[in-house]
Amino acid sequence: MTTIDYSGTELRIDGETTITLRHRIEETLEVGDKILVLLYPGEGNHDRRNVLAFDTTGEKCWESEIPENDDRHMFAGIRARDGEAIGWSWNKHEYRIDLDTGALTDLGRSGK
């Protein structure tokens, strides 16, 4: 298991690698061989690609697609389910996030 710590915009992996990201880190999640990071761009910021993936050495693998490819939507949360990464968007839909590419599959309304 990888040790993941974060504070503000800094992500630390196993106490050895520190990565400074462009926005505050809201949460992290380790799924398979990827470390997913949910960024919070802040009010009025239109940077909606807010889920990033890193490998355990700190190498950036991808940035997720934008839910519905719409500038009004971004991810509000991420979680693991049955070995898959699931993101919840402001449009109240859940998306399966492909761990290899960051591509999204819309799973429909989440009921939240």
Protein backbone atom coordinates (compact mmCIF):
# COMPACT_ATOMS: atom_id res chain seq x y z
CA MET A 1 0.00 0.00 0.00
CA THR A 2 1.26 3.45 -0.90
CA THR A 3 1.38 6.23 1.68
CA ILE A 4 -0.38 9.30 0.30
CA ASP A 5 -0.46 12.65 2.11
CA TYR A 6 -1.61 16.03 0.89
CA SER A 7 -1.92 19.59 2.07
CA GLY A 8 -3.10 22.53 0.01
CA THR A 9 -1.67 21.99 -3.47
CA GLU A 10 1.07 19.53 -2.44
CA LEU A 11 0.79 15.77 -2.94
CA ARG A 12 3.32 13.51 -1.19
CA ILE A 13 3.80 9.87 -2.18
CA ASP A 14 5.59 7.52 0.24
CA GLY A 15 7.22 10.53 1.91
CA GLU A 16 9.72 10.73 -0.95
CA THR A 17 7.98 12.39 -3.89
CA THR A 18 6.32 15.80 -3.59
CA ILE A 19 4.24 17.17 -6.46
CA THR A 20 2.81 20.69 -6.52
CA LEU A 21 -0.51 20.83 -8.36
CA ARG A 22 -2.34 23.80 -9.89
CA HIS A 23 -5.28 23.78 -7.42
CA ARG A 24 -6.04 22.72 -3.88
CA ILE A 25 -6.36 18.97 -3.40
CA GLU A 26 -9.82 17.95 -2.20
CA GLU A 27 -9.21 14.20 -1.85
CA THR A 28 -7.05 11.31 -3.04
CA LEU A 29 -7.82 7.68 -3.79
CA GLU A 30 -5.60 4.72 -4.63
CA VAL A 31 -7.22 2.32 -7.09
CA GLY A 32 -5.20 -0.46 -8.68
CA ASP A 33 -1.81 0.95 -9.64
CA LYS A 34 -3.04 4.56 -9.84
CA ILE A 35 -3.32 7.39 -7.35
CA LEU A 36 -6.29 9.57 -8.22
CA VAL A 37 -6.35 13.18 -7.09
CA LEU A 38 -9.49 15.33 -7.02
CA LEU A 39 -8.66 19.04 -7.34
CA TYR A 40 -10.88 21.89 -6.21
CA PRO A 41 -10.37 24.75 -8.70
CA GLY A 42 -12.27 27.29 -6.59
CA GLU A 43 -15.16 29.61 -7.31
CA GLY A 44 -15.28 31.10 -10.80
CA ASN A 45 -12.41 28.97 -12.12
CA HIS A 46 -13.26 27.18 -15.37
CA ASP A 47 -10.56 24.51 -15.06
CA ARG A 48 -12.92 21.52 -15.10
CA ARG A 49 -10.39 18.71 -15.69
CA ASN A 50 -10.15 18.13 -11.96
CA VAL A 51 -9.33 14.41 -11.62
CA LEU A 52 -5.70 13.52 -12.26
CA ALA A 53 -3.94 10.16 -12.06
CA PHE A 54 -0.38 9.45 -10.99
CA ASP A 55 1.56 6.22 -10.72
CA THR A 56 3.25 5.30 -7.44
CA THR A 57 6.49 7.02 -8.52
CA GLY A 58 4.66 10.34 -8.97
CA GLU A 59 4.59 10.28 -12.78
CA LYS A 60 1.41 11.93 -14.10
CA CYS A 61 -0.56 9.47 -16.22
CA TRP A 62 -3.59 11.50 -17.36
CA GLU A 63 -6.26 14.10 -16.59
CA SER A 64 -9.85 12.92 -16.80
CA GLU A 65 -12.29 13.99 -19.44
CA ILE A 66 -14.90 16.58 -18.44
CA PRO A 67 -18.30 15.12 -17.46
CA GLU A 68 -20.68 15.69 -20.37
CA ASN A 69 -17.80 17.68 -21.92
CA ASP A 70 -19.54 20.74 -20.51
CA ASP A 71 -17.74 23.65 -18.85
CA ARG A 72 -20.43 23.80 -16.15
CA HIS A 73 -19.58 20.35 -14.80
CA MET A 74 -16.65 18.91 -12.90
CA PHE A 75 -16.18 16.14 -10.37
CA ALA A 76 -17.36 16.65 -6.81
CA GLY A 77 -16.17 13.29 -5.47
CA ILE A 78 -14.39 10.05 -6.31
CA ARG A 79 -14.53 6.56 -4.83
CA ALA A 80 -13.54 2.98 -5.55
CA ARG A 81 -16.19 0.39 -6.32
CA ASP A 82 -15.31 -3.21 -7.19
CA GLY A 83 -11.79 -2.22 -8.25
CA GLU A 84 -13.02 0.61 -10.48
CA ALA A 85 -12.84 4.38 -10.05
CA ILE A 86 -16.20 6.12 -9.89
CA GLY A 87 -16.60 9.89 -10.03
CA TRP A 88 -19.67 11.89 -9.07
CA SER A 89 -20.27 15.11 -10.98
CA TRP A 90 -22.21 18.27 -10.21
CA ASN A 91 -24.71 17.12 -12.86
CA LYS A 92 -25.66 14.32 -10.39
CA HIS A 93 -24.34 11.58 -12.67
CA GLU A 94 -21.82 8.90 -11.79
CA TYR A 95 -19.02 8.11 -14.21
CA ARG A 96 -16.68 5.15 -14.45
CA ILE A 97 -13.19 6.60 -14.91
CA ASP A 98 -10.94 4.41 -17.04
CA LEU A 99 -7.79 3.86 -14.97
CA ASP A 100 -5.58 3.62 -18.07
CA THR A 101 -6.79 6.70 -19.97
CA GLY A 102 -9.09 8.87 -17.83
CA ALA A 103 -11.94 8.35 -20.32
CA LEU A 104 -15.44 8.46 -18.83
CA THR A 105 -18.44 6.15 -19.09
CA ASP A 106 -21.69 7.78 -17.92
CA LEU A 107 -23.44 5.43 -15.47
CA GLY A 108 -26.50 7.68 -15.13
CA ARG A 109 -27.97 9.68 -12.28
CA SER A 110 -26.63 8.80 -8.88
CA GLY A 111 -29.65 9.90 -6.88
CA LYS A 112 -27.61 12.23 -4.68
